[in-house]
Amino acid sequence: MTMADAAIPGGLFRNNYALPPEGSQESARFRSRLYAAYRKFVRYDYDHRLADELRIATGACVGTHGAGARNFEAFFQRGETVDLLSFITIVHRYLGDYRDRAEWLTTARTIFASENILYVLDDKCGVHPKVDAEFQRNVRSALLALEAPKFRAAREAFDSAYNNLATNPPDYKGSIRGLFESAETVFRLTLDNRPLTELNIKALLVPAVDKKYAGSDPATIQSAARFVESFSRWVIAAHPYRHGHGTEIPVTPPDELALAQFAIGAGFVRWLTTI
């Protein structure tokens, strides 16, 4: 698979091939883009009100310039990172129109993702730390693979699963359920609209993989067969969290297990799109 195959069609060159190093807390470009987005959504005559909201919530002060106008550009350029990240959520709360809030969230998420910032946004625009760079590479690779229109439903399920990791506390059970739904949607679209089960993996996926890698060297053929076996075991491992449990206390997988299942599952989803 070439870099061009993994790129988003019609995407900016910078976003496809010149991403910043993963693991950035923030950057000057990140701050500049956020300020531009802020100015798109918030009129200047509301700056005083938002400065007051920021000070009440965090204690951070936005200076003035000129005739006493709030200097938000300086705040976005030089404000403390913790205050800037908090302000993103405050802006979302301030925007009264639902469509503006949704667009602000989408815009902020796009900036966070394309600048490879070490944070993610939940559905209410709360900011949370990412897990690690390798995890994010797996997620990004799967998202790129699901860009095709036919995978729209699978992409929505994947987005929902990913967002469940950013809730407080994280909804790991919901995340695994959503990821399984994404994998099953791709499986159905690819293999005769059959549900994702161990039996159907053997009946449908094994022959499809044998056909795809027929003529390859023996090592590739053997590796592909083992990969299918691993995928089948991932499906079995996800099964206990896809159903209700006869307990009063909610059942959820531990952090390390849930994140491992998600990272591995994201890789399987991406691979399924190539079958």
Protein backbone atom coordinates (compact mmCIF):
# COMPACT_ATOMS: atom_id res chain seq x y z
CA MET A 1 0.00 0.00 0.00
CA THR A 2 1.50 3.35 -1.05
CA MET A 3 1.23 6.68 0.78
CA ALA A 4 -1.14 7.83 -1.97
CA ASP A 5 -3.46 4.91 -1.21
CA ALA A 6 -3.68 5.98 2.45
CA ALA A 7 -4.25 9.66 1.68
CA ILE A 8 -7.65 11.35 1.94
CA PRO A 9 -8.89 12.10 -1.63
CA GLY A 10 -8.95 15.84 -2.16
CA GLY A 11 -7.16 16.41 1.15
CA LEU A 12 -4.52 19.09 1.66
CA PHE A 13 -0.94 17.94 1.03
CA ARG A 14 0.01 19.07 4.54
CA ASN A 15 -2.69 16.89 6.10
CA ASN A 16 -1.88 13.82 4.00
CA TYR A 17 1.91 13.88 3.95
CA ALA A 18 3.38 16.65 6.12
CA LEU A 19 1.79 16.08 9.51
CA PRO A 20 3.66 17.49 12.52
CA PRO A 21 5.52 15.01 14.73
CA GLU A 22 3.09 13.05 16.88
CA GLY A 23 3.07 13.87 20.56
CA SER A 24 2.93 17.70 20.41
CA GLN A 25 1.35 19.38 23.41
CA GLU A 26 0.58 22.34 21.15
CA SER A 27 2.27 24.60 18.61
CA ALA A 28 2.21 28.12 17.20
CA ARG A 29 0.33 26.91 14.13
CA PHE A 30 -2.21 25.09 16.32
CA ARG A 31 -2.81 28.30 18.29
CA SER A 32 -3.06 30.39 15.13
CA ARG A 33 -5.65 28.08 13.59
CA LEU A 34 -7.68 28.02 16.81
CA TYR A 35 -7.73 31.82 16.94
CA ALA A 36 -8.87 32.01 13.32
CA ALA A 37 -11.67 29.58 14.14
CA TYR A 38 -12.60 31.62 17.22
CA ARG A 39 -12.91 34.79 15.15
CA LYS A 40 -15.11 32.95 12.66
CA PHE A 41 -17.62 31.96 15.34
CA VAL A 42 -17.49 34.81 17.90
CA ARG A 43 -18.19 38.48 17.21
CA TYR A 44 -15.79 41.07 18.68
CA ASP A 45 -18.54 42.65 20.79
CA TYR A 46 -18.88 39.39 22.74
CA ASP A 47 -15.18 39.23 23.68
CA HIS A 48 -15.69 40.96 27.06
CA ARG A 49 -18.35 38.45 28.09
CA LEU A 50 -16.20 35.48 27.14
CA ALA A 51 -13.18 36.98 28.89
CA ASP A 52 -15.27 37.24 32.04
CA GLU A 53 -16.46 33.63 31.67
CA LEU A 54 -12.85 32.48 31.28
CA ARG A 55 -11.71 34.40 34.35
CA ILE A 56 -14.58 33.09 36.47
CA ALA A 57 -13.93 29.50 35.38
CA THR A 58 -10.12 29.43 35.45
CA GLY A 59 -8.78 32.70 36.89
CA ALA A 60 -7.00 33.46 33.60
CA CYS A 61 -7.07 37.10 32.48
CA VAL A 62 -7.30 38.32 28.89
CA GLY A 63 -5.51 41.65 28.45
CA THR A 64 -6.78 44.68 26.56
CA HIS A 65 -5.41 46.81 23.73
CA GLY A 66 -6.43 49.84 21.74
CA ALA A 67 -9.61 51.37 23.13
CA GLY A 68 -9.96 48.70 25.79
CA ALA A 69 -10.88 45.83 23.52
CA ARG A 70 -9.95 42.36 24.76
CA ASN A 71 -6.77 41.09 23.11
CA PHE A 72 -7.79 37.50 22.44
CA GLU A 73 -5.19 37.15 19.70
CA ALA A 74 -2.47 37.58 22.33
CA PHE A 75 -4.25 35.09 24.59
CA PHE A 76 -4.37 32.47 21.84
CA GLN A 77 -0.71 33.12 21.02
CA ARG A 78 0.77 33.20 24.53
CA GLY A 79 -1.84 32.03 27.05
CA GLU A 80 -1.10 29.02 29.23
CA THR A 81 -1.96 25.75 27.49
CA VAL A 82 -4.30 24.63 30.29
CA ASP A 83 -6.29 27.88 29.98
CA LEU A 84 -6.42 27.71 26.19
CA LEU A 85 -7.71 24.13 26.23
CA SER A 86 -10.31 25.08 28.85
CA PHE A 87 -11.40 28.05 26.76
CA ILE A 88 -12.23 25.77 23.83
CA THR A 89 -14.91 24.16 26.01
CA ILE A 90 -16.14 27.55 27.29
CA VAL A 91 -16.65 28.77 23.72
CA HIS A 92 -18.70 25.66 22.95
CA ARG A 93 -20.92 26.32 25.98
CA TYR A 94 -21.34 29.97 24.96
CA LEU A 95 -22.46 29.35 21.38
CA GLY A 96 -26.25 29.36 21.58
CA ASP A 97 -27.07 27.87 18.21
CA TYR A 98 -26.80 24.07 18.07
CA ARG A 99 -25.40 24.19 14.55
CA ASP A 100 -22.68 26.65 15.61
CA ARG A 101 -21.74 24.42 18.55
CA ALA A 102 -21.57 21.38 16.30
CA GLU A 103 -19.47 23.23 13.72
CA TRP A 104 -17.15 24.62 16.40
CA LEU A 105 -16.61 21.10 17.74
CA THR A 106 -15.98 19.71 14.26
CA THR A 107 -13.57 22.53 13.43
CA ALA A 108 -11.65 22.12 16.70
CA ARG A 109 -11.42 18.35 16.21
CA THR A 110 -10.06 18.87 12.70
CA ILE A 111 -7.38 21.24 14.01
CA PHE A 112 -6.43 18.90 16.87
CA ALA A 113 -6.16 15.92 14.51
CA SER A 114 -4.26 17.61 11.68
CA GLU A 115 -1.80 19.25 14.07
CA ASN A 116 -1.33 15.93 15.93
CA ILE A 117 -2.01 17.46 19.32
CA LEU A 118 -1.86 15.17 22.34
CA TYR A 119 -5.53 15.74 23.22
CA VAL A 120 -8.95 14.69 21.98
CA LEU A 121 -12.40 16.30 22.26
CA ASP A 122 -15.49 14.53 23.56
CA ASP A 123 -18.99 15.19 22.19
CA LYS A 124 -19.49 18.16 24.56
CA CYS A 125 -16.15 19.71 23.55
CA GLY A 126 -14.34 18.68 26.72
CA VAL A 127 -10.61 18.19 26.16
CA HIS A 128 -8.91 14.96 27.27
CA PRO A 129 -5.37 13.58 26.90
CA LYS A 130 -4.72 11.07 24.15
CA VAL A 131 -3.40 7.65 25.02
CA ASP A 132 -0.18 7.28 23.02
CA ALA A 133 1.20 7.92 19.56
CA GLU A 134 1.05 4.30 18.37
CA PHE A 135 -2.60 4.05 19.41
CA GLN A 136 -3.39 7.24 17.49
CA ARG A 137 -1.60 5.97 14.37
CA ASN A 138 -3.80 2.87 14.42
CA VAL A 139 -6.92 5.01 14.79
CA ARG A 140 -5.90 7.43 12.04
CA SER A 141 -5.08 4.56 9.68
CA ALA A 142 -8.53 3.03 10.25
CA LEU A 143 -10.27 6.39 9.77
CA LEU A 144 -8.47 6.92 6.47
CA ALA A 145 -9.54 3.46 5.31
CA LEU A 146 -13.18 4.24 6.17
CA GLU A 147 -13.30 7.48 4.14
CA ALA A 148 -14.93 5.73 1.16
CA PRO A 149 -18.67 6.56 0.88
CA LYS A 150 -19.68 2.91 1.06
CA PHE A 151 -18.15 2.69 4.54
CA ARG A 152 -20.12 5.65 5.93
CA ALA A 153 -22.06 3.58 8.47
CA ALA A 154 -18.87 1.81 9.56
CA ARG A 155 -17.14 5.19 9.95
CA GLU A 156 -19.99 6.51 12.11
CA ALA A 157 -19.79 3.44 14.35
CA PHE A 158 -16.02 3.83 14.58
CA ASP A 159 -16.33 7.53 15.46
CA SER A 160 -18.84 6.69 18.17
CA ALA A 161 -16.56 3.98 19.56
CA TYR A 162 -13.60 6.36 19.60
CA ASN A 163 -15.60 9.13 21.28
CA ASN A 164 -16.57 6.70 24.05
CA LEU A 165 -12.89 6.59 25.00
CA ALA A 166 -12.99 10.34 25.68
CA THR A 167 -15.94 10.38 28.10
CA ASN A 168 -15.36 10.85 31.82
CA PRO A 169 -15.09 8.11 32.91
CA PRO A 170 -14.32 6.34 29.60
CA ASP A 171 -17.09 4.07 28.35
CA TYR A 172 -14.87 1.14 27.43
CA LYS A 173 -17.76 -1.29 27.04
CA GLY A 174 -19.53 1.09 24.65
CA SER A 175 -16.27 1.60 22.82
CA ILE A 176 -15.78 -2.12 22.21
CA ARG A 177 -19.41 -2.49 21.14
CA GLY A 178 -19.07 0.38 18.67
CA LEU A 179 -15.82 -0.94 17.26
CA PHE A 180 -17.34 -4.38 16.80
CA GLU A 181 -20.27 -2.75 14.95
CA SER A 182 -17.81 -0.98 12.67
CA ALA A 183 -15.94 -4.22 11.96
CA GLU A 184 -19.17 -6.13 11.36
CA THR A 185 -20.44 -3.43 8.98
CA VAL A 186 -17.29 -3.69 6.88
CA PHE A 187 -17.47 -7.49 7.06
CA ARG A 188 -21.09 -7.47 5.81
CA LEU A 189 -20.31 -5.03 3.00
CA THR A 190 -17.36 -7.10 1.90
CA LEU A 191 -18.65 -10.63 2.39
CA ASP A 192 -22.20 -11.30 1.25
CA ASN A 193 -23.96 -9.30 4.02
CA ARG A 194 -23.38 -12.02 6.61
CA PRO A 195 -22.99 -11.29 10.35
CA LEU A 196 -19.54 -11.27 11.90
CA THR A 197 -19.23 -14.62 13.66
CA GLU A 198 -16.52 -17.19 14.06
CA LEU A 199 -18.36 -19.54 11.68
CA ASN A 200 -18.73 -16.88 8.98
CA ILE A 201 -15.08 -15.95 9.29
CA LYS A 202 -14.21 -19.55 8.48
CA ALA A 203 -16.85 -19.87 5.75
CA LEU A 204 -16.37 -16.51 4.01
CA LEU A 205 -13.25 -14.65 5.12
CA VAL A 206 -10.83 -17.57 4.91
CA PRO A 207 -11.63 -18.26 1.21
CA ALA A 208 -11.51 -14.52 0.42
CA VAL A 209 -8.10 -14.17 2.03
CA ASP A 210 -6.82 -17.33 0.31
CA LYS A 211 -7.91 -15.84 -3.02
CA LYS A 212 -6.41 -12.41 -2.30
CA TYR A 213 -2.99 -13.80 -1.43
CA ALA A 214 -2.94 -16.71 -3.88
CA GLY A 215 0.35 -16.69 -5.74
CA SER A 216 2.17 -14.91 -2.94
CA ASP A 217 5.25 -16.37 -1.31
CA PRO A 218 4.70 -19.11 1.32
CA ALA A 219 5.53 -16.79 4.22
CA THR A 220 2.85 -14.27 3.18
CA ILE A 221 0.24 -17.00 2.70
CA GLN A 222 1.00 -18.47 6.13
CA SER A 223 1.02 -15.04 7.77
CA ALA A 224 -2.34 -14.11 6.20
CA ALA A 225 -3.88 -17.35 7.47
CA ARG A 226 -2.62 -16.65 10.99
CA PHE A 227 -3.95 -13.11 10.74
CA VAL A 228 -7.43 -14.43 10.03
CA GLU A 229 -7.13 -16.69 13.07
CA SER A 230 -6.14 -13.68 15.18
CA PHE A 231 -9.12 -11.72 13.89
CA SER A 232 -11.43 -14.59 14.82
CA ARG A 233 -10.01 -14.60 18.35
CA TRP A 234 -10.50 -10.82 18.59
CA VAL A 235 -14.18 -11.30 17.68
CA ILE A 236 -14.53 -13.93 20.41
CA ALA A 237 -12.75 -11.67 22.93
CA ALA A 238 -15.11 -8.77 22.17
CA HIS A 239 -18.23 -10.92 22.52
CA PRO A 240 -18.64 -10.75 26.35
CA TYR A 241 -18.93 -6.95 26.22
CA ARG A 242 -21.55 -6.88 23.46
CA HIS A 243 -24.36 -8.16 25.68
CA GLY A 244 -25.96 -7.36 29.02
CA HIS A 245 -24.82 -8.94 32.27
CA GLY A 246 -26.87 -10.25 35.17
CA THR A 247 -25.27 -7.92 37.72
CA GLU A 248 -26.34 -4.74 39.49
CA ILE A 249 -22.92 -3.13 39.01
CA PRO A 250 -22.04 -2.21 35.39
CA VAL A 251 -19.44 -4.53 33.88
CA THR A 252 -16.59 -2.80 32.09
CA PRO A 253 -13.17 -4.03 30.96
CA PRO A 254 -10.07 -2.67 32.70
CA ASP A 255 -8.20 0.20 31.02
CA GLU A 256 -5.26 -1.77 29.68
CA LEU A 257 -7.44 -4.54 28.22
CA ALA A 258 -9.97 -2.16 26.63
CA LEU A 259 -7.29 0.00 25.00
CA ALA A 260 -5.45 -3.06 23.69
CA GLN A 261 -8.67 -4.47 22.24
CA PHE A 262 -9.45 -1.14 20.59
CA ALA A 263 -5.99 -0.67 19.09
CA ILE A 264 -5.92 -4.22 17.72
CA GLY A 265 -9.51 -3.97 16.47
CA ALA A 266 -8.80 -0.70 14.65
CA GLY A 267 -6.06 -2.50 12.74
CA PHE A 268 -8.44 -5.30 11.81
CA VAL A 269 -11.06 -2.81 10.58
CA ARG A 270 -8.53 -1.15 8.32
CA TRP A 271 -7.38 -4.54 6.98
CA LEU A 272 -10.95 -5.67 6.27
CA THR A 273 -11.47 -2.71 3.95
CA THR A 274 -8.75 -4.14 1.68
CA ILE A 275 -10.28 -7.58 1.25
